[in-house]
mmCIF file of all heavy atoms, coordinates in Angstrom:
data_MODEL
# 
_entry.id   MODEL 
# 
loop_
_atom_site.group_PDB 
_atom_site.id 
_atom_site.type_symbol 
_atom_site.label_atom_id 
_atom_site.label_alt_id 
_atom_site.label_comp_id 
_atom_site.label_asym_id 
_atom_site.label_entity_id 
_atom_site.label_seq_id 
_atom_site.pdbx_PDB_ins_code 
_atom_site.Cartn_x 
_atom_site.Cartn_y 
_atom_site.Cartn_z 
_atom_site.occupancy 
_atom_site.B_iso_or_equiv 
_atom_site.pdbx_formal_charge 
_atom_site.auth_seq_id 
_atom_site.auth_comp_id 
_atom_site.auth_asym_id 
_atom_site.auth_atom_id 
_atom_site.pdbx_PDB_model_num 
ATOM 1   N N   . SER A 1 1  ? -1.918 -24.042 -1.877  1.00 0.00 ? 1  SER A N   1 
ATOM 2   C CA  . SER A 1 1  ? -0.840 -23.105 -1.523  1.00 0.00 ? 1  SER A CA  1 
ATOM 3   C C   . SER A 1 1  ? -1.408 -21.703 -1.314  1.00 0.00 ? 1  SER A C   1 
ATOM 4   O O   . SER A 1 1  ? -2.336 -21.265 -2.028  1.00 0.00 ? 1  SER A O   1 
ATOM 5   C CB  . SER A 1 1  ? 0.210  -23.054 -2.636  1.00 0.00 ? 1  SER A CB  1 
ATOM 6   O OG  . SER A 1 1  ? 1.144  -22.018 -2.395  1.00 0.00 ? 1  SER A OG  1 
ATOM 7   N N   . ILE A 1 2  ? -0.898 -21.000 -0.317  1.00 0.00 ? 2  ILE A N   1 
ATOM 8   C CA  . ILE A 1 2  ? -1.318 -19.647 -0.082  1.00 0.00 ? 2  ILE A CA  1 
ATOM 9   C C   . ILE A 1 2  ? -0.691 -18.699 -1.060  1.00 0.00 ? 2  ILE A C   1 
ATOM 10  O O   . ILE A 1 2  ? -1.305 -17.780 -1.602  1.00 0.00 ? 2  ILE A O   1 
ATOM 11  C CB  . ILE A 1 2  ? -0.927 -19.180 1.341   1.00 0.00 ? 2  ILE A CB  1 
ATOM 12  C CG1 . ILE A 1 2  ? -1.700 -20.047 2.385   1.00 0.00 ? 2  ILE A CG1 1 
ATOM 13  C CG2 . ILE A 1 2  ? -1.200 -17.699 1.572   1.00 0.00 ? 2  ILE A CG2 1 
ATOM 14  C CD1 . ILE A 1 2  ? -1.282 -19.810 3.799   1.00 0.00 ? 2  ILE A CD1 1 
ATOM 15  N N   . SER A 1 3  ? 0.582  -18.955 -1.404  1.00 0.00 ? 3  SER A N   1 
ATOM 16  C CA  . SER A 1 3  ? 1.274  -18.082 -2.291  1.00 0.00 ? 3  SER A CA  1 
ATOM 17  C C   . SER A 1 3  ? 1.123  -18.444 -3.776  1.00 0.00 ? 3  SER A C   1 
ATOM 18  O O   . SER A 1 3  ? 1.335  -17.610 -4.663  1.00 0.00 ? 3  SER A O   1 
ATOM 19  C CB  . SER A 1 3  ? 2.787  -18.111 -2.006  1.00 0.00 ? 3  SER A CB  1 
ATOM 20  O OG  . SER A 1 3  ? 3.278  -19.430 -2.003  1.00 0.00 ? 3  SER A OG  1 
ATOM 21  N N   . ASN A 1 4  ? 0.713  -19.684 -4.045  1.00 0.00 ? 4  ASN A N   1 
ATOM 22  C CA  . ASN A 1 4  ? 0.529  -20.168 -5.431  1.00 0.00 ? 4  ASN A CA  1 
ATOM 23  C C   . ASN A 1 4  ? -0.873 -20.765 -5.583  1.00 0.00 ? 4  ASN A C   1 
ATOM 24  O O   . ASN A 1 4  ? -1.108 -21.869 -5.175  1.00 0.00 ? 4  ASN A O   1 
ATOM 25  C CB  . ASN A 1 4  ? 1.594  -21.184 -5.821  1.00 0.00 ? 4  ASN A CB  1 
ATOM 26  C CG  . ASN A 1 4  ? 2.988  -20.656 -5.734  1.00 0.00 ? 4  ASN A CG  1 
ATOM 27  O OD1 . ASN A 1 4  ? 3.359  -19.720 -6.428  1.00 0.00 ? 4  ASN A OD1 1 
ATOM 28  N ND2 . ASN A 1 4  ? 3.786  -21.259 -4.852  1.00 0.00 ? 4  ASN A ND2 1 
ATOM 29  N N   . ALA A 1 5  ? -1.783 -19.992 -6.151  1.00 0.00 ? 5  ALA A N   1 
ATOM 30  C CA  . ALA A 1 5  ? -3.170 -20.436 -6.278  1.00 0.00 ? 5  ALA A CA  1 
ATOM 31  C C   . ALA A 1 5  ? -3.228 -21.646 -7.217  1.00 0.00 ? 5  ALA A C   1 
ATOM 32  O O   . ALA A 1 5  ? -2.375 -21.875 -8.066  1.00 0.00 ? 5  ALA A O   1 
ATOM 33  C CB  . ALA A 1 5  ? -4.053 -19.335 -6.847  1.00 0.00 ? 5  ALA A CB  1 
ATOM 34  N N   . ASN A 1 6  ? -4.269 -22.491 -6.987  1.00 0.00 ? 6  ASN A N   1 
ATOM 35  C CA  . ASN A 1 6  ? -4.519 -23.683 -7.840  1.00 0.00 ? 6  ASN A CA  1 
ATOM 36  C C   . ASN A 1 6  ? -3.327 -24.680 -7.793  1.00 0.00 ? 6  ASN A C   1 
ATOM 37  O O   . ASN A 1 6  ? -2.948 -25.256 -8.802  1.00 0.00 ? 6  ASN A O   1 
ATOM 38  C CB  . ASN A 1 6  ? -4.799 -23.266 -9.282  1.00 0.00 ? 6  ASN A CB  1 
ATOM 39  C CG  . ASN A 1 6  ? -5.845 -22.210 -9.403  1.00 0.00 ? 6  ASN A CG  1 
ATOM 40  O OD1 . ASN A 1 6  ? -6.952 -22.366 -8.815  1.00 0.00 ? 6  ASN A OD1 1 
ATOM 41  N ND2 . ASN A 1 6  ? -5.555 -21.171 -10.103 1.00 0.00 ? 6  ASN A ND2 1 
ATOM 42  N N   . GLN A 1 7  ? -2.778 -24.836 -6.619  1.00 0.00 ? 7  GLN A N   1 
ATOM 43  C CA  . GLN A 1 7  ? -1.590 -25.706 -6.528  1.00 0.00 ? 7  GLN A CA  1 
ATOM 44  C C   . GLN A 1 7  ? -1.367 -26.188 -5.060  1.00 0.00 ? 7  GLN A C   1 
ATOM 45  O O   . GLN A 1 7  ? -1.599 -25.456 -4.127  1.00 0.00 ? 7  GLN A O   1 
ATOM 46  C CB  . GLN A 1 7  ? -0.343 -24.908 -6.979  1.00 0.00 ? 7  GLN A CB  1 
ATOM 47  C CG  . GLN A 1 7  ? 0.971  -25.605 -6.797  1.00 0.00 ? 7  GLN A CG  1 
ATOM 48  C CD  . GLN A 1 7  ? 2.112  -24.804 -7.376  1.00 0.00 ? 7  GLN A CD  1 
ATOM 49  O OE1 . GLN A 1 7  ? 2.127  -24.439 -8.543  1.00 0.00 ? 7  GLN A OE1 1 
ATOM 50  N NE2 . GLN A 1 7  ? 3.080  -24.520 -6.498  1.00 0.00 ? 7  GLN A NE2 1 
ATOM 51  N N   . ILE A 1 8  ? -0.954 -27.426 -4.932  1.00 0.00 ? 8  ILE A N   1 
ATOM 52  C CA  . ILE A 1 8  ? -0.409 -27.961 -3.674  1.00 0.00 ? 8  ILE A CA  1 
ATOM 53  C C   . ILE A 1 8  ? 1.100  -27.970 -3.844  1.00 0.00 ? 8  ILE A C   1 
ATOM 54  O O   . ILE A 1 8  ? 1.647  -28.635 -4.711  1.00 0.00 ? 8  ILE A O   1 
ATOM 55  C CB  . ILE A 1 8  ? -0.933 -29.395 -3.392  1.00 0.00 ? 8  ILE A CB  1 
ATOM 56  C CG1 . ILE A 1 8  ? -2.444 -29.348 -3.132  1.00 0.00 ? 8  ILE A CG1 1 
ATOM 57  C CG2 . ILE A 1 8  ? -0.196 -29.990 -2.224  1.00 0.00 ? 8  ILE A CG2 1 
ATOM 58  C CD1 . ILE A 1 8  ? -3.077 -30.710 -2.998  1.00 0.00 ? 8  ILE A CD1 1 
ATOM 59  N N   . ASP A 1 9  ? 1.782  -27.194 -3.011  1.00 0.00 ? 9  ASP A N   1 
ATOM 60  C CA  . ASP A 1 9  ? 3.203  -27.001 -3.185  1.00 0.00 ? 9  ASP A CA  1 
ATOM 61  C C   . ASP A 1 9  ? 3.997  -28.301 -3.019  1.00 0.00 ? 9  ASP A C   1 
ATOM 62  O O   . ASP A 1 9  ? 4.904  -28.604 -3.803  1.00 0.00 ? 9  ASP A O   1 
ATOM 63  C CB  . ASP A 1 9  ? 3.746  -25.975 -2.203  1.00 0.00 ? 9  ASP A CB  1 
ATOM 64  C CG  . ASP A 1 9  ? 3.319  -24.539 -2.602  1.00 0.00 ? 9  ASP A CG  1 
ATOM 65  O OD1 . ASP A 1 9  ? 3.049  -24.305 -3.805  1.00 0.00 ? 9  ASP A OD1 1 
ATOM 66  O OD2 . ASP A 1 9  ? 3.324  -23.658 -1.702  1.00 0.00 ? 9  ASP A OD2 1 
ATOM 67  N N   . ASN A 1 10 ? 3.648  -29.047 -2.047  1.00 0.00 ? 10 ASN A N   1 
ATOM 68  C CA  . ASN A 1 10 ? 4.342  -30.345 -1.784  1.00 0.00 ? 10 ASN A CA  1 
ATOM 69  C C   . ASN A 1 10 ? 3.473  -31.240 -0.932  1.00 0.00 ? 10 ASN A C   1 
ATOM 70  O O   . ASN A 1 10 ? 3.341  -31.007 0.283   1.00 0.00 ? 10 ASN A O   1 
ATOM 71  C CB  . ASN A 1 10 ? 5.702  -30.119 -1.116  1.00 0.00 ? 10 ASN A CB  1 
ATOM 72  C CG  . ASN A 1 10 ? 6.499  -31.400 -0.993  1.00 0.00 ? 10 ASN A CG  1 
ATOM 73  O OD1 . ASN A 1 10 ? 6.133  -32.432 -1.561  1.00 0.00 ? 10 ASN A OD1 1 
ATOM 74  N ND2 . ASN A 1 10 ? 7.553  -31.350 -0.184  1.00 0.00 ? 10 ASN A ND2 1 
ATOM 75  N N   . ALA A 1 11 ? 2.991  -32.295 -1.524  1.00 0.00 ? 11 ALA A N   1 
ATOM 76  C CA  . ALA A 1 11 ? 2.183  -33.275 -0.816  1.00 0.00 ? 11 ALA A CA  1 
ATOM 77  C C   . ALA A 1 11 ? 3.031  -34.070 0.173   1.00 0.00 ? 11 ALA A C   1 
ATOM 78  O O   . ALA A 1 11 ? 2.470  -34.816 1.019   1.00 0.00 ? 11 ALA A O   1 
ATOM 79  C CB  . ALA A 1 11 ? 1.470  -34.230 -1.787  1.00 0.00 ? 11 ALA A CB  1 
ATOM 80  N N   . LEU A 1 12 ? 4.357  -33.952 0.070   1.00 0.00 ? 12 LEU A N   1 
ATOM 81  C CA  . LEU A 1 12 ? 5.254  -34.679 1.008   1.00 0.00 ? 12 LEU A CA  1 
ATOM 82  C C   . LEU A 1 12 ? 5.971  -33.719 1.885   1.00 0.00 ? 12 LEU A C   1 
ATOM 83  O O   . LEU A 1 12 ? 7.143  -34.023 2.309   1.00 0.00 ? 12 LEU A O   1 
ATOM 84  C CB  . LEU A 1 12 ? 6.245  -35.503 0.181   1.00 0.00 ? 12 LEU A CB  1 
ATOM 85  C CG  . LEU A 1 12 ? 5.669  -36.494 -0.819  1.00 0.00 ? 12 LEU A CG  1 
ATOM 86  C CD1 . LEU A 1 12 ? 6.751  -37.344 -1.455  1.00 0.00 ? 12 LEU A CD1 1 
ATOM 87  C CD2 . LEU A 1 12 ? 4.638  -37.408 -0.119  1.00 0.00 ? 12 LEU A CD2 1 
ATOM 88  N N   . ALA A 1 13 ? 5.368  -32.579 2.217   1.00 0.00 ? 13 ALA A N   1 
ATOM 89  C CA  . ALA A 1 13 ? 6.021  -31.592 3.048   1.00 0.00 ? 13 ALA A CA  1 
ATOM 90  C C   . ALA A 1 13 ? 6.437  -32.167 4.404   1.00 0.00 ? 13 ALA A C   1 
ATOM 91  O O   . ALA A 1 13 ? 7.511  -31.796 4.954   1.00 0.00 ? 13 ALA A O   1 
ATOM 92  C CB  . ALA A 1 13 ? 5.160  -30.387 3.213   1.00 0.00 ? 13 ALA A CB  1 
ATOM 93  N N   . SER A 1 14 ? 5.633  -33.077 4.956   1.00 0.00 ? 14 SER A N   1 
ATOM 94  C CA  . SER A 1 14 ? 5.924  -33.602 6.276   1.00 0.00 ? 14 SER A CA  1 
ATOM 95  C C   . SER A 1 14 ? 6.907  -34.754 6.273   1.00 0.00 ? 14 SER A C   1 
ATOM 96  O O   . SER A 1 14 ? 7.589  -35.000 7.241   1.00 0.00 ? 14 SER A O   1 
ATOM 97  C CB  . SER A 1 14 ? 4.614  -34.077 6.943   1.00 0.00 ? 14 SER A CB  1 
ATOM 98  O OG  . SER A 1 14 ? 3.745  -32.979 7.181   1.00 0.00 ? 14 SER A OG  1 
ATOM 99  N N   . LYS A 1 15 ? 6.976  -35.487 5.133   1.00 0.00 ? 15 LYS A N   1 
ATOM 100 C CA  . LYS A 1 15 ? 7.839  -36.642 5.081   1.00 0.00 ? 15 LYS A CA  1 
ATOM 101 C C   . LYS A 1 15 ? 8.111  -37.024 3.616   1.00 0.00 ? 15 LYS A C   1 
ATOM 102 O O   . LYS A 1 15 ? 7.198  -37.047 2.794   1.00 0.00 ? 15 LYS A O   1 
ATOM 103 C CB  . LYS A 1 15 ? 7.235  -37.854 5.810   1.00 0.00 ? 15 LYS A CB  1 
ATOM 104 C CG  . LYS A 1 15 ? 5.871  -38.288 5.237   1.00 0.00 ? 15 LYS A CG  1 
ATOM 105 C CD  . LYS A 1 15 ? 5.301  -39.537 5.945   1.00 0.00 ? 15 LYS A CD  1 
ATOM 106 C CE  . LYS A 1 15 ? 4.003  -39.977 5.274   1.00 0.00 ? 15 LYS A CE  1 
ATOM 107 N NZ  . LYS A 1 15 ? 3.417  -41.150 5.978   1.00 0.00 ? 15 LYS A NZ  1 
ATOM 108 N N   . SER A 1 16 ? 9.346  -37.307 3.339   1.00 0.00 ? 16 SER A N   1 
ATOM 109 C CA  . SER A 1 16 ? 9.652  -37.884 2.034   1.00 0.00 ? 16 SER A CA  1 
ATOM 110 C C   . SER A 1 16 ? 9.368  -39.371 2.052   1.00 0.00 ? 16 SER A C   1 
ATOM 111 O O   . SER A 1 16 ? 9.205  -40.004 3.115   1.00 0.00 ? 16 SER A O   1 
ATOM 112 C CB  . SER A 1 16 ? 11.150 -37.651 1.750   1.00 0.00 ? 16 SER A CB  1 
ATOM 113 O OG  . SER A 1 16 ? 11.499 -36.275 1.675   1.00 0.00 ? 16 SER A OG  1 
ATOM 114 N N   . TRP A 1 17 ? 9.301  -39.924 0.869   1.00 0.00 ? 17 TRP A N   1 
ATOM 115 C CA  . TRP A 1 17 ? 9.107  -41.389 0.729   1.00 0.00 ? 17 TRP A CA  1 
ATOM 116 C C   . TRP A 1 17 ? 10.459 -42.000 0.316   1.00 0.00 ? 17 TRP A C   1 
ATOM 117 O O   . TRP A 1 17 ? 11.151 -41.519 -0.571  1.00 0.00 ? 17 TRP A O   1 
ATOM 118 C CB  . TRP A 1 17 ? 8.092  -41.707 -0.320  1.00 0.00 ? 17 TRP A CB  1 
ATOM 119 C CG  . TRP A 1 17 ? 6.671  -41.364 0.041   1.00 0.00 ? 17 TRP A CG  1 
ATOM 120 C CD1 . TRP A 1 17 ? 6.151  -41.279 1.314   1.00 0.00 ? 17 TRP A CD1 1 
ATOM 121 C CD2 . TRP A 1 17 ? 5.602  -41.052 -0.861  1.00 0.00 ? 17 TRP A CD2 1 
ATOM 122 N NE1 . TRP A 1 17 ? 4.805  -40.952 1.252   1.00 0.00 ? 17 TRP A NE1 1 
ATOM 123 C CE2 . TRP A 1 17 ? 4.437  -40.802 -0.072  1.00 0.00 ? 17 TRP A CE2 1 
ATOM 124 C CE3 . TRP A 1 17 ? 5.466  -40.960 -2.211  1.00 0.00 ? 17 TRP A CE3 1 
ATOM 125 C CZ2 . TRP A 1 17 ? 3.234  -40.456 -0.635  1.00 0.00 ? 17 TRP A CZ2 1 
ATOM 126 C CZ3 . TRP A 1 17 ? 4.271  -40.630 -2.784  1.00 0.00 ? 17 TRP A CZ3 1 
ATOM 127 C CH2 . TRP A 1 17 ? 3.148  -40.386 -2.002  1.00 0.00 ? 17 TRP A CH2 1 
ATOM 128 N N   . TYR A 1 18 ? 10.814 -43.112 0.991   1.00 0.00 ? 18 TYR A N   1 
ATOM 129 C CA  . TYR A 1 18 ? 11.998 -43.877 0.681   1.00 0.00 ? 18 TYR A CA  1 
ATOM 130 C C   . TYR A 1 18 ? 11.622 -45.282 0.286   1.00 0.00 ? 18 TYR A C   1 
ATOM 131 O O   . TYR A 1 18 ? 10.864 -45.963 1.002   1.00 0.00 ? 18 TYR A O   1 
ATOM 132 C CB  . TYR A 1 18 ? 12.961 -43.910 1.882   1.00 0.00 ? 18 TYR A CB  1 
ATOM 133 C CG  . TYR A 1 18 ? 13.347 -42.492 2.366   1.00 0.00 ? 18 TYR A CG  1 
ATOM 134 C CD1 . TYR A 1 18 ? 12.518 -41.777 3.251   1.00 0.00 ? 18 TYR A CD1 1 
ATOM 135 C CD2 . TYR A 1 18 ? 14.515 -41.904 1.940   1.00 0.00 ? 18 TYR A CD2 1 
ATOM 136 C CE1 . TYR A 1 18 ? 12.878 -40.514 3.704   1.00 0.00 ? 18 TYR A CE1 1 
ATOM 137 C CE2 . TYR A 1 18 ? 14.865 -40.634 2.352   1.00 0.00 ? 18 TYR A CE2 1 
ATOM 138 C CZ  . TYR A 1 18 ? 14.025 -39.947 3.236   1.00 0.00 ? 18 TYR A CZ  1 
ATOM 139 O OH  . TYR A 1 18 ? 14.401 -38.688 3.690   1.00 0.00 ? 18 TYR A OH  1 
ATOM 140 N N   . LEU A 1 19 ? 12.147 -45.765 -0.822  1.00 0.00 ? 19 LEU A N   1 
ATOM 141 C CA  . LEU A 1 19 ? 11.775 -47.056 -1.335  1.00 0.00 ? 19 LEU A CA  1 
ATOM 142 C C   . LEU A 1 19 ? 12.916 -47.658 -2.162  1.00 0.00 ? 19 LEU A C   1 
ATOM 143 O O   . LEU A 1 19 ? 13.755 -46.944 -2.669  1.00 0.00 ? 19 LEU A O   1 
ATOM 144 C CB  . LEU A 1 19 ? 10.492 -46.991 -2.143  1.00 0.00 ? 19 LEU A CB  1 
ATOM 145 C CG  . LEU A 1 19 ? 10.423 -46.060 -3.346  1.00 0.00 ? 19 LEU A CG  1 
ATOM 146 C CD1 . LEU A 1 19 ? 9.163  -46.404 -4.171  1.00 0.00 ? 19 LEU A CD1 1 
ATOM 147 C CD2 . LEU A 1 19 ? 10.387 -44.566 -2.978  1.00 0.00 ? 19 LEU A CD2 1 
ATOM 148 N N   . PHE A 1 20 ? 12.851 -48.966 -2.232  1.00 0.00 ? 20 PHE A N   1 
ATOM 149 C CA  . PHE A 1 20 ? 13.931 -49.672 -2.952  1.00 0.00 ? 20 PHE A CA  1 
ATOM 150 C C   . PHE A 1 20 ? 13.718 -49.593 -4.449  1.00 0.00 ? 20 PHE A C   1 
ATOM 151 O O   . PHE A 1 20 ? 12.569 -49.374 -4.908  1.00 0.00 ? 20 PHE A O   1 
ATOM 152 C CB  . PHE A 1 20 ? 13.999 -51.143 -2.545  1.00 0.00 ? 20 PHE A CB  1 
ATOM 153 C CG  . PHE A 1 20 ? 14.593 -51.396 -1.182  1.00 0.00 ? 20 PHE A CG  1 
ATOM 154 C CD1 . PHE A 1 20 ? 14.229 -52.498 -0.427  1.00 0.00 ? 20 PHE A CD1 1 
ATOM 155 C CD2 . PHE A 1 20 ? 15.572 -50.565 -0.671  1.00 0.00 ? 20 PHE A CD2 1 
ATOM 156 C CE1 . PHE A 1 20 ? 14.770 -52.780 0.820   1.00 0.00 ? 20 PHE A CE1 1 
ATOM 157 C CE2 . PHE A 1 20 ? 16.165 -50.756 0.554   1.00 0.00 ? 20 PHE A CE2 1 
ATOM 158 C CZ  . PHE A 1 20 ? 15.776 -51.893 1.323   1.00 0.00 ? 20 PHE A CZ  1 
ATOM 159 N N   . GLU A 1 21 ? 14.788 -49.713 -5.191  1.00 0.00 ? 21 GLU A N   1 
ATOM 160 C CA  . GLU A 1 21 ? 14.762 -49.734 -6.638  1.00 0.00 ? 21 GLU A CA  1 
ATOM 161 C C   . GLU A 1 21 ? 13.873 -50.832 -7.130  1.00 0.00 ? 21 GLU A C   1 
ATOM 162 O O   . GLU A 1 21 ? 13.919 -51.967 -6.648  1.00 0.00 ? 21 GLU A O   1 
ATOM 163 C CB  . GLU A 1 21 ? 16.193 -49.912 -7.143  1.00 0.00 ? 21 GLU A CB  1 
ATOM 164 C CG  . GLU A 1 21 ? 16.351 -49.956 -8.639  1.00 0.00 ? 21 GLU A CG  1 
ATOM 165 C CD  . GLU A 1 21 ? 17.803 -50.055 -9.022  1.00 0.00 ? 21 GLU A CD  1 
ATOM 166 O OE1 . GLU A 1 21 ? 18.633 -49.254 -8.518  1.00 0.00 ? 21 GLU A OE1 1 
ATOM 167 O OE2 . GLU A 1 21 ? 18.138 -50.925 -9.824  1.00 0.00 ? 21 GLU A OE2 1 
ATOM 168 N N   . ASN A 1 22 ? 13.006 -50.513 -8.131  1.00 0.00 ? 22 ASN A N   1 
ATOM 169 C CA  . ASN A 1 22 ? 12.119 -51.493 -8.765  1.00 0.00 ? 22 ASN A CA  1 
ATOM 170 C C   . ASN A 1 22 ? 12.654 -51.684 -10.180 1.00 0.00 ? 22 ASN A C   1 
ATOM 171 O O   . ASN A 1 22 ? 12.497 -50.827 -11.036 1.00 0.00 ? 22 ASN A O   1 
ATOM 172 C CB  . ASN A 1 22 ? 10.699 -51.046 -8.729  1.00 0.00 ? 22 ASN A CB  1 
ATOM 173 C CG  . ASN A 1 22 ? 9.705  -52.159 -8.945  1.00 0.00 ? 22 ASN A CG  1 
ATOM 174 O OD1 . ASN A 1 22 ? 10.117 -53.349 -9.081  1.00 0.00 ? 22 ASN A OD1 1 
ATOM 175 N ND2 . ASN A 1 22 ? 8.428  -51.833 -8.983  1.00 0.00 ? 22 ASN A ND2 1 
ATOM 176 N N   . SER A 1 23 ? 13.289 -52.806 -10.464 1.00 0.00 ? 23 SER A N   1 
ATOM 177 C CA  . SER A 1 23 ? 14.021 -53.015 -11.700 1.00 0.00 ? 23 SER A CA  1 
ATOM 178 C C   . SER A 1 23 ? 13.090 -53.213 -12.874 1.00 0.00 ? 23 SER A C   1 
ATOM 179 O O   . SER A 1 23 ? 11.892 -53.549 -12.691 1.00 0.00 ? 23 SER A O   1 
ATOM 180 C CB  . SER A 1 23 ? 14.942 -54.238 -11.564 1.00 0.00 ? 23 SER A CB  1 
ATOM 181 O OG  . SER A 1 23 ? 14.196 -55.400 -11.722 1.00 0.00 ? 23 SER A OG  1 
ATOM 182 N N   . PRO A 1 24 ? 13.592 -53.037 -14.085 1.00 0.00 ? 24 PRO A N   1 
ATOM 183 C CA  . PRO A 1 24 ? 12.812 -53.285 -15.292 1.00 0.00 ? 24 PRO A CA  1 
ATOM 184 C C   . PRO A 1 24 ? 12.308 -54.740 -15.374 1.00 0.00 ? 24 PRO A C   1 
ATOM 185 O O   . PRO A 1 24 ? 11.356 -55.034 -16.096 1.00 0.00 ? 24 PRO A O   1 
ATOM 186 C CB  . PRO A 1 24 ? 13.756 -52.970 -16.422 1.00 0.00 ? 24 PRO A CB  1 
ATOM 187 C CG  . PRO A 1 24 ? 14.783 -52.058 -15.862 1.00 0.00 ? 24 PRO A CG  1 
ATOM 188 C CD  . PRO A 1 24 ? 14.930 -52.514 -14.433 1.00 0.00 ? 24 PRO A CD  1 
# 
């Protein structure tokens, strides 16, 4: 991050992940 050193603000900035529920 430019504004927050030592940090990646969001590794999913380009796309969210969508996935089905994985039950217990």
